[in-house]
């Protein structure tokens, strides 16, 4: 049996013929001409050579979700195109009924090609690349969760970060050590809901600042590198910037400078803030140091040490749960900084957090200074135990034992990383400086006296950074000479035993120094970050003149 298929198209044709033949309309049988649908092709291209890199540290946030957005003219957060590796001349096409729609669809494909997810490394590090022609604010968040993923927070408090819900097993795995008891001790990983944030302004490609004739500022060229660390301090500064944006204030380099300055003075006090002079215009260029695992290029100068000890003291507070979680504590401090008064805030909750932080900072700096110098150790732990309400001798001995082990590791790592220069004296000075954090009244205003002292400290930082740069560049010159030897010997040919031996020896020497070259690369990155902060701070002071 044959079945005739009556398709929709055949039906349409038949119906049209039928209607025409029957003359059902009184319109003189005019025929309509169907115009073909016109389509337009849109295209978009993009190059991603502007790197944004940094670390999320409170201690380190490992396997934490990284989210990057920007802000439109209406003050709304919107996604931004980025890649995990530099790329050039990516091209996308799309077709639509209008040119504008086609262009918009092609451009949307640039954004749609973003990585599905971005996670931090074990040390909290991340790196991403935005488009070369992108300019404006980047809003970056790094988040760990208490459940549902593999993200972890590292405890970097000498007095611990609270207790586990369930004691983990003993682990001797490198980087994942755990003594197996119920306490979350220094250097151990745990689950928690923590979000750190930073706002970074990406300048137009032509913009660049310099220090003594050398360019280290952001926006220098199409392969430039921006440093955007995420810490307690960048998170609070970000809150100020987002609050201002909500009130119609533009996010700019100047706005970031003002937020950084206010955050440091309000939390640390003017004198201690001066010690961190290189960060006064942009906190995100430094300060992200994990006390549990110091790396090559890390610094333990007075300013950095004050930042670290304040941050780990807040983590210790969060461990007790008395004043709230780490996110809640940061939120309360941000409110105090925004109000322009932290310790004497009108809000009782903010005031209580400030008072608890002051005591926690005193405990942290007292323990560190005592153990580093070997002076007044028993007295220090007696004072700390009293402030923590610990009276049992065994509990005090346990606190002392764990804290001593932690500080000994810091000192050992500092020596290995070359960050132990004058550490004893620095520890004592920071202890004295942190005996009173924050500010009140007129001392919260950065006047001429503050600017003068900060500029002097900044000049010292320039000299130190220049010396560090010269030392690293000398090492890099050596590496380049070694590479040139290998290239030259290879080009000369490997026809004789002497040539083969000489070439093999050169390659062996080059390969044997690979780890050393990696260290130099980290040191160079650290110096560049310092130079970047110095350049921004110098530009900010110059703008006041």
Foldseek 3Di string as FASTA:
>chain_A
DDDDDCDPVNVVVVVVVVCLVVVPDPPVSDDDDDDDQDKDKAKDWFWWQEKEKEFEPLPGKFQWWKAKWFADLLLDTDHAAKEQDTGHTDMFMAMDRDHVVRNVVNVVVSRVPYDPTFTAHLRRIGMMTGTLQDWFKMKMKTWFAQDDDDIKHAAAFLQFQAFDPAFDCADPPVQAGDRRDGTRAHSHIHGDTDMWMAMDTAHGLVDFFDDPPHTLAHSPHSNHYHFFYTALQRRLLVVLVSVVVVVVDGDDLQSQLVSQQLSQCQFFNLVLVLQVLLPNSPVRLDLNANLQAGAALHADFLNSVLSSLLSSLLSNVLNVCPLHHSVVLSVLQSVCSNVVHQCPDPDPSSVVSSVSSLLSSLLRLLCLLCLVVVPPNVVSLVVNCVVVVHDDPVVSVVSSVSSNVSSVSSCVNCVVNVHCVCVNVSSVVSSVSSNPGGDDDPSSDCDPVSLVSSVVSLVVLSVVLVVLLVVLVVVVVVLVVLVVQLVVLVVVDDPDPVSVVSNVVSVCVNVVCPVVVVSSVSNNSSSSSSRNSSRSSVVNSVVVD
